[in-house]
Amino acid sequence: MMYDYLRNLLEETFRVSGEITPDKTFEDLDLDSLTTAEICAALETDLKVTIDDEEVHQQTTMGALADLLHHKGAVLSR
């Protein structure tokens, strides 16, 4: 599931603390714009999708990001 991948990425790679739920935004998780850009770069590399910077911003929720990735055809390797 894409959301689980995102949660793990944020917890393990970016060391985000606190509860990461689908309704949390980047702002809620205290992620600045530089970290958000780094996360997008990691997603592009890991999932082989292109994410426009304007598609992901501080108000984007984790659930909305998971949906966006799904609609872009991102596929998780098992």
PDB file of N, CA and C in Angstrom:
ATOM      1  N   MET A   1       0.846  -1.191   0.000  1.00  0.00           N
ATOM      2  CA  MET A   1       0.000   0.000   0.000  1.00  0.00           C
ATOM      3  C   MET A   1       0.886   1.247   0.000  1.00  0.00           C
ATOM      4  N   MET A   2       0.539   2.202  -0.846  1.00  0.00           N
ATOM      5  CA  MET A   2       1.363   3.394  -1.042  1.00  0.00           C
ATOM      6  C   MET A   2       1.511   4.206   0.249  1.00  0.00           C
ATOM      7  N   TYR A   3       0.443   4.350   1.011  1.00  0.00           N
ATOM      8  CA  TYR A   3       0.526   5.125   2.252  1.00  0.00           C
ATOM      9  C   TYR A   3       1.539   4.500   3.210  1.00  0.00           C
ATOM     10  N   ASP A   4       1.530   3.176   3.330  1.00  0.00           N
ATOM     11  CA  ASP A   4       2.488   2.499   4.224  1.00  0.00           C
ATOM     12  C   ASP A   4       3.921   2.761   3.777  1.00  0.00           C
ATOM     13  N   TYR A   5       4.140   2.736   2.463  1.00  0.00           N
ATOM     14  CA  TYR A   5       5.470   3.058   1.930  1.00  0.00           C
ATOM     15  C   TYR A   5       5.878   4.475   2.347  1.00  0.00           C
ATOM     16  N   LEU A   6       4.963   5.441   2.170  1.00  0.00           N
ATOM     17  CA  LEU A   6       5.253   6.828   2.537  1.00  0.00           C
ATOM     18  C   LEU A   6       5.572   6.959   4.018  1.00  0.00           C
ATOM     19  N   ARG A   7       4.766   6.323   4.845  1.00  0.00           N
ATOM     20  CA  ARG A   7       4.992   6.387   6.290  1.00  0.00           C
ATOM     21  C   ARG A   7       6.373   5.831   6.640  1.00  0.00           C
ATOM     22  N   ASN A   8       6.717   4.687   6.068  1.00  0.00           N
ATOM     23  CA  ASN A   8       8.024   4.090   6.334  1.00  0.00           C
ATOM     24  C   ASN A   8       9.158   4.979   5.832  1.00  0.00           C
ATOM     25  N   LEU A   9       8.992   5.570   4.650  1.00  0.00           N
ATOM     26  CA  LEU A   9      10.010   6.469   4.117  1.00  0.00           C
ATOM     27  C   LEU A   9      10.243   7.639   5.065  1.00  0.00           C
ATOM     28  N   LEU A  10       9.160   8.237   5.528  1.00  0.00           N
ATOM     29  CA  LEU A  10       9.288   9.386   6.424  1.00  0.00           C
ATOM     30  C   LEU A  10       9.904   8.997   7.764  1.00  0.00           C
ATOM     31  N   GLU A  11       9.505   7.860   8.293  1.00  0.00           N
ATOM     32  CA  GLU A  11      10.033   7.421   9.590  1.00  0.00           C
ATOM     33  C   GLU A  11      11.487   6.980   9.493  1.00  0.00           C
ATOM     34  N   GLU A  12      11.812   6.168   8.513  1.00  0.00           N
ATOM     35  CA  GLU A  12      13.128   5.551   8.454  1.00  0.00           C
ATOM     36  C   GLU A  12      14.180   6.419   7.760  1.00  0.00           C
ATOM     37  N   THR A  13      13.843   7.028   6.649  1.00  0.00           N
ATOM     38  CA  THR A  13      14.823   7.805   5.901  1.00  0.00           C
ATOM     39  C   THR A  13      14.920   9.242   6.388  1.00  0.00           C
ATOM     40  N   PHE A  14      13.769   9.844   6.668  1.00  0.00           N
ATOM     41  CA  PHE A  14      13.761  11.252   7.046  1.00  0.00           C
ATOM     42  C   PHE A  14      13.581  11.481   8.546  1.00  0.00           C
ATOM     43  N   ARG A  15      13.510  10.407   9.303  1.00  0.00           N
ATOM     44  CA  ARG A  15      13.453  10.453  10.774  1.00  0.00           C
ATOM     45  C   ARG A  15      12.364  11.388  11.308  1.00  0.00           C
ATOM     46  N   VAL A  16      11.198  11.326  10.672  1.00  0.00           N
ATOM     47  CA  VAL A  16      10.064  12.123  11.128  1.00  0.00           C
ATOM     48  C   VAL A  16       9.511  11.468  12.388  1.00  0.00           C
ATOM     49  N   SER A  17       9.348  12.267  13.420  1.00  0.00           N
ATOM     50  CA  SER A  17       8.811  11.731  14.669  1.00  0.00           C
ATOM     51  C   SER A  17       7.330  12.070  14.779  1.00  0.00           C
ATOM     52  N   GLY A  18       6.665  11.417  15.674  1.00  0.00           N
ATOM     53  CA  GLY A  18       5.239  11.643  15.851  1.00  0.00           C
ATOM     54  C   GLY A  18       4.433  10.716  14.970  1.00  0.00           C
ATOM     55  N   GLU A  19       3.135  10.785  15.158  1.00  0.00           N
ATOM     56  CA  GLU A  19       2.234   9.910  14.419  1.00  0.00           C
ATOM     57  C   GLU A  19       2.026  10.433  12.996  1.00  0.00           C
ATOM     58  N   ILE A  20       2.273   9.566  12.033  1.00  0.00           N
ATOM     59  CA  ILE A  20       2.077   9.922  10.624  1.00  0.00           C
ATOM     60  C   ILE A  20       0.799   9.236  10.161  1.00  0.00           C
ATOM     61  N   THR A  21      -0.241  10.029   9.970  1.00  0.00           N
ATOM     62  CA  THR A  21      -1.534   9.497   9.549  1.00  0.00           C
ATOM     63  C   THR A  21      -1.882  10.080   8.176  1.00  0.00           C
ATOM     64  N   PRO A  22      -2.826   9.464   7.460  1.00  0.00           N
ATOM     65  CA  PRO A  22      -3.172   9.942   6.111  1.00  0.00           C
ATOM     66  C   PRO A  22      -3.631  11.400   6.055  1.00  0.00           C
ATOM     67  N   ASP A  23      -4.173  11.925   7.152  1.00  0.00           N
ATOM     68  CA  ASP A  23      -4.671  13.296   7.140  1.00  0.00           C
ATOM     69  C   ASP A  23      -3.622  14.335   7.534  1.00  0.00           C
ATOM     70  N   LYS A  24      -2.415  13.910   7.869  1.00  0.00           N
ATOM     71  CA  LYS A  24      -1.344  14.841   8.243  1.00  0.00           C
ATOM     72  C   LYS A  24      -0.750  15.476   6.993  1.00  0.00           C
ATOM     73  N   THR A  25      -0.459  16.780   7.095  1.00  0.00           N
ATOM     74  CA  THR A  25       0.194  17.499   6.005  1.00  0.00           C
ATOM     75  C   THR A  25       1.698  17.578   6.286  1.00  0.00           C
ATOM     76  N   PHE A  26       2.450  18.000   5.295  1.00  0.00           N
ATOM     77  CA  PHE A  26       3.879  18.226   5.508  1.00  0.00           C
ATOM     78  C   PHE A  26       4.072  19.258   6.613  1.00  0.00           C
ATOM     79  N   GLU A  27       3.226  20.265   6.627  1.00  0.00           N
ATOM     80  CA  GLU A  27       3.304  21.299   7.665  1.00  0.00           C
ATOM     81  C   GLU A  27       3.018  20.697   9.049  1.00  0.00           C
ATOM     82  N   ASP A  28       1.997  19.843   9.144  1.00  0.00           N
ATOM     83  CA  ASP A  28       1.671  19.200  10.422  1.00  0.00           C
ATOM     84  C   ASP A  28       2.861  18.405  10.966  1.00  0.00           C
ATOM     85  N   LEU A  29       3.644  17.829  10.053  1.00  0.00           N
ATOM     86  CA  LEU A  29       4.781  16.996  10.433  1.00  0.00           C
ATOM     87  C   LEU A  29       6.062  17.814  10.599  1.00  0.00           C
ATOM     88  N   ASP A  30       5.924  19.151  10.548  1.00  0.00           N
ATOM     89  CA  ASP A  30       7.051  20.077  10.699  1.00  0.00           C
ATOM     90  C   ASP A  30       8.140  19.863   9.657  1.00  0.00           C
ATOM     91  N   LEU A  31       7.719  19.570   8.420  1.00  0.00           N
ATOM     92  CA  LEU A  31       8.665  19.390   7.327  1.00  0.00           C
ATOM     93  C   LEU A  31       8.744  20.683   6.533  1.00  0.00           C
ATOM     94  N   ASP A  32       9.939  21.226   6.397  1.00  0.00           N
ATOM     95  CA  ASP A  32      10.089  22.464   5.639  1.00  0.00           C
ATOM     96  C   ASP A  32      10.125  22.185   4.139  1.00  0.00           C
ATOM     97  N   SER A  33      10.186  23.235   3.349  1.00  0.00           N
ATOM     98  CA  SER A  33      10.123  23.073   1.899  1.00  0.00           C
ATOM     99  C   SER A  33      11.346  22.331   1.356  1.00  0.00           C
ATOM    100  N   LEU A  34      12.499  22.484   1.966  1.00  0.00           N
ATOM    101  CA  LEU A  34      13.684  21.754   1.513  1.00  0.00           C
ATOM    102  C   LEU A  34      13.506  20.260   1.742  1.00  0.00           C
ATOM    103  N   THR A  35      13.018  19.879   2.911  1.00  0.00           N
ATOM    104  CA  THR A  35      12.784  18.467   3.197  1.00  0.00           C
ATOM    105  C   THR A  35      11.705  17.903   2.282  1.00  0.00           C
ATOM    106  N   THR A  36      10.673  18.693   2.023  1.00  0.00           N
ATOM    107  CA  THR A  36       9.616  18.266   1.108  1.00  0.00           C
ATOM    108  C   THR A  36      10.202  17.990  -0.280  1.00  0.00           C
ATOM    109  N   ALA A  37      11.094  18.859  -0.750  1.00  0.00           N
ATOM    110  CA  ALA A  37      11.738  18.656  -2.050  1.00  0.00           C
ATOM    111  C   ALA A  37      12.599  17.393  -2.028  1.00  0.00           C
ATOM    112  N   GLU A  38      13.298  17.145  -0.920  1.00  0.00           N
ATOM    113  CA  GLU A  38      14.122  15.937  -0.799  1.00  0.00           C
ATOM    114  C   GLU A  38      13.253  14.679  -0.819  1.00  0.00           C
ATOM    115  N   ILE A  39      12.105  14.742  -0.172  1.00  0.00           N
ATOM    116  CA  ILE A  39      11.168  13.615  -0.169  1.00  0.00           C
ATOM    117  C   ILE A  39      10.674  13.353  -1.591  1.00  0.00           C
ATOM    118  N   CYS A  40      10.319  14.412  -2.304  1.00  0.00           N
ATOM    119  CA  CYS A  40       9.853  14.259  -3.690  1.00  0.00           C
ATOM    120  C   CYS A  40      10.941  13.646  -4.564  1.00  0.00           C
ATOM    121  N   ALA A  41      12.180  14.062  -4.379  1.00  0.00           N
ATOM    122  CA  ALA A  41      13.286  13.495  -5.151  1.00  0.00           C
ATOM    123  C   ALA A  41      13.437  12.003  -4.842  1.00  0.00           C
ATOM    124  N   ALA A  42      13.300  11.639  -3.574  1.00  0.00           N
ATOM    125  CA  ALA A  42      13.393  10.227  -3.192  1.00  0.00           C
ATOM    126  C   ALA A  42      12.251   9.427  -3.818  1.00  0.00           C
ATOM    127  N   LEU A  43      11.061   9.996  -3.843  1.00  0.00           N
ATOM    128  CA  LEU A  43       9.912   9.319  -4.441  1.00  0.00           C
ATOM    129  C   LEU A  43      10.124   9.116  -5.936  1.00  0.00           C
ATOM    130  N   GLU A  44      10.646  10.138  -6.604  1.00  0.00           N
ATOM    131  CA  GLU A  44      10.901  10.014  -8.037  1.00  0.00           C
ATOM    132  C   GLU A  44      11.904   8.902  -8.316  1.00  0.00           C
ATOM    133  N   THR A  45      12.950   8.835  -7.496  1.00  0.00           N
ATOM    134  CA  THR A  45      13.977   7.813  -7.674  1.00  0.00           C
ATOM    135  C   THR A  45      13.429   6.421  -7.363  1.00  0.00           C
ATOM    136  N   ASP A  46      12.764   6.292  -6.227  1.00  0.00           N
ATOM    137  CA  ASP A  46      12.267   4.985  -5.788  1.00  0.00           C
ATOM    138  C   ASP A  46      11.137   4.448  -6.652  1.00  0.00           C
ATOM    139  N   LEU A  47      10.229   5.341  -7.051  1.00  0.00           N
ATOM    140  CA  LEU A  47       8.995   4.909  -7.709  1.00  0.00           C
ATOM    141  C   LEU A  47       8.979   5.170  -9.208  1.00  0.00           C
ATOM    142  N   LYS A  48      10.044   5.790  -9.718  1.00  0.00           N
ATOM    143  CA  LYS A  48      10.158   6.049 -11.162  1.00  0.00           C
ATOM    144  C   LYS A  48       8.981   6.845 -11.716  1.00  0.00           C
ATOM    145  N   VAL A  49       8.603   7.887 -10.991  1.00  0.00           N
ATOM    146  CA  VAL A  49       7.550   8.798 -11.441  1.00  0.00           C
ATOM    147  C   VAL A  49       8.109  10.223 -11.420  1.00  0.00           C
ATOM    148  N   THR A  50       7.470  11.105 -12.161  1.00  0.00           N
ATOM    149  CA  THR A  50       7.843  12.511 -12.147  1.00  0.00           C
ATOM    150  C   THR A  50       6.814  13.265 -11.329  1.00  0.00           C
ATOM    151  N   ILE A  51       7.304  14.018 -10.368  1.00  0.00           N
ATOM    152  CA  ILE A  51       6.417  14.809  -9.510  1.00  0.00           C
ATOM    153  C   ILE A  51       6.786  16.277  -9.676  1.00  0.00           C
ATOM    154  N   ASP A  52       5.843  17.062 -10.144  1.00  0.00           N
ATOM    155  CA  ASP A  52       6.045  18.493 -10.286  1.00  0.00           C
ATOM    156  C   ASP A  52       6.041  19.125  -8.894  1.00  0.00           C
ATOM    157  N   ASP A  53       6.977  20.029  -8.646  1.00  0.00           N
ATOM    158  CA  ASP A  53       7.072  20.672  -7.332  1.00  0.00           C
ATOM    159  C   ASP A  53       5.751  21.319  -6.909  1.00  0.00           C
ATOM    160  N   GLU A  54       5.000  21.818  -7.873  1.00  0.00           N
ATOM    161  CA  GLU A  54       3.745  22.485  -7.541  1.00  0.00           C
ATOM    162  C   GLU A  54       2.642  21.506  -7.140  1.00  0.00           C
ATOM    163  N   GLU A  55       2.826  20.225  -7.464  1.00  0.00           N
ATOM    164  CA  GLU A  55       1.827  19.222  -7.091  1.00  0.00           C
ATOM    165  C   GLU A  55       1.903  18.873  -5.603  1.00  0.00           C
ATOM    166  N   VAL A  56       3.071  19.060  -5.033  1.00  0.00           N
ATOM    167  CA  VAL A  56       3.278  18.721  -3.618  1.00  0.00           C
ATOM    168  C   VAL A  56       3.728  19.989  -2.895  1.00  0.00           C
ATOM    169  N   HIS A  57       2.973  20.363  -1.889  1.00  0.00           N
ATOM    170  CA  HIS A  57       3.296  21.563  -1.118  1.00  0.00           C
ATOM    171  C   HIS A  57       3.007  21.296   0.353  1.00  0.00           C
ATOM    172  N   GLN A  58       3.213  22.274   1.164  1.00  0.00           N
ATOM    173  CA  GLN A  58       3.105  22.103   2.616  1.00  0.00           C
ATOM    174  C   GLN A  58       1.726  21.631   3.074  1.00  0.00           C
ATOM    175  N   GLN A  59       0.684  21.922   2.309  1.00  0.00           N
ATOM    176  CA  GLN A  59      -0.674  21.545   2.707  1.00  0.00           C
ATOM    177  C   GLN A  59      -1.100  20.185   2.166  1.00  0.00           C
ATOM    178  N   THR A  60      -0.235  19.524   1.417  1.00  0.00           N
ATOM    179  CA  THR A  60      -0.549  18.202   0.880  1.00  0.00           C
ATOM    180  C   THR A  60      -0.590  17.187   2.015  1.00  0.00           C
ATOM    181  N   THR A  61      -1.667  16.405   2.082  1.00  0.00           N
ATOM    182  CA  THR A  61      -1.753  15.366   3.109  1.00  0.00           C
ATOM    183  C   THR A  61      -1.041  14.108   2.623  1.00  0.00           C
ATOM    184  N   MET A  62      -0.705  13.249   3.549  1.00  0.00           N
ATOM    185  CA  MET A  62      -0.054  11.991   3.183  1.00  0.00           C
ATOM    186  C   MET A  62      -0.996  11.126   2.336  1.00  0.00           C
ATOM    187  N   GLY A  63      -2.281  11.157   2.646  1.00  0.00           N
ATOM    188  CA  GLY A  63      -3.262  10.408   1.862  1.00  0.00           C
ATOM    189  C   GLY A  63      -3.368  10.938   0.447  1.00  0.00           C
ATOM    190  N   ALA A  64      -3.372  12.274   0.304  1.00  0.00           N
ATOM    191  CA  ALA A  64      -3.444  12.886  -1.029  1.00  0.00           C
ATOM    192  C   ALA A  64      -2.185  12.580  -1.832  1.00  0.00           C
ATOM    193  N   LEU A  65      -1.025  12.561  -1.166  1.00  0.00           N
ATOM    194  CA  LEU A  65       0.219  12.230  -1.851  1.00  0.00           C
ATOM    195  C   LEU A  65       0.202  10.774  -2.312  1.00  0.00           C
ATOM    196  N   ALA A  66      -0.300   9.888  -1.480  1.00  0.00           N
ATOM    197  CA  ALA A  66      -0.417   8.475  -1.875  1.00  0.00           C
ATOM    198  C   ALA A  66      -1.325   8.337  -3.093  1.00  0.00           C
ATOM    199  N   ASP A  67      -2.448   9.057  -3.104  1.00  0.00           N
ATOM    200  CA  ASP A  67      -3.368   9.031  -4.249  1.00  0.00           C
ATOM    201  C   ASP A  67      -2.697   9.582  -5.505  1.00  0.00           C
ATOM    202  N   LEU A  68      -1.964  10.687  -5.362  1.00  0.00           N
ATOM    203  CA  LEU A  68      -1.266  11.290  -6.488  1.00  0.00           C
ATOM    204  C   LEU A  68      -0.274  10.302  -7.097  1.00  0.00           C
ATOM    205  N   LEU A  69       0.499   9.646  -6.241  1.00  0.00           N
ATOM    206  CA  LEU A  69       1.485   8.675  -6.716  1.00  0.00           C
ATOM    207  C   LEU A  69       0.799   7.512  -7.434  1.00  0.00           C
ATOM    208  N   HIS A  70      -0.305   7.054  -6.872  1.00  0.00           N
ATOM    209  CA  HIS A  70      -1.054   5.967  -7.490  1.00  0.00           C
ATOM    210  C   HIS A  70      -1.554   6.369  -8.890  1.00  0.00           C
ATOM    211  N   HIS A  71      -2.098   7.588  -9.000  1.00  0.00           N
ATOM    212  CA  HIS A  71      -2.622   8.068 -10.280  1.00  0.00           C
ATOM    213  C   HIS A  71      -1.517   8.306 -11.301  1.00  0.00           C
ATOM    214  N   LYS A  72      -0.298   8.539 -10.831  1.00  0.00           N
ATOM    215  CA  LYS A  72       0.827   8.710 -11.743  1.00  0.00           C
ATOM    216  C   LYS A  72       1.422   7.365 -12.184  1.00  0.00           C
ATOM    217  N   GLY A  73       0.875   6.288 -11.647  1.00  0.00           N
ATOM    218  CA  GLY A  73       1.333   4.964 -12.056  1.00  0.00           C
ATOM    219  C   GLY A  73       2.495   4.422 -11.239  1.00  0.00           C
ATOM    220  N   ALA A  74       2.753   5.019 -10.094  1.00  0.00           N
ATOM    221  CA  ALA A  74       3.836   4.518  -9.244  1.00  0.00           C
ATOM    222  C   ALA A  74       3.514   3.102  -8.787  1.00  0.00           C
ATOM    223  N   VAL A  75       4.515   2.253  -8.872  1.00  0.00           N
ATOM    224  CA  VAL A  75       4.346   0.872  -8.477  1.00  0.00           C
ATOM    225  C   VAL A  75       5.415   0.527  -7.457  1.00  0.00           C
ATOM    226  N   LEU A  76       4.976  -0.060  -6.373  1.00  0.00           N
ATOM    227  CA  LEU A  76       5.906  -0.478  -5.332  1.00  0.00           C
ATOM    228  C   LEU A  76       6.458  -1.848  -5.671  1.00  0.00           C
ATOM    229  N   SER A  77       7.765  -1.980  -5.602  1.00  0.00           N
ATOM    230  CA  SER A  77       8.351  -3.317  -5.783  1.00  0.00           C
ATOM    231  C   SER A  77       8.262  -4.036  -4.453  1.00  0.00           C
ATOM    232  N   ARG A  78       7.965  -5.281  -4.500  1.00  0.00           N
ATOM    233  CA  ARG A  78       7.765  -6.031  -3.260  1.00  0.00           C
ATOM    234  C   ARG A  78       9.035  -6.655  -2.783  1.00  0.00           C
TER     235      ARG A  78
END
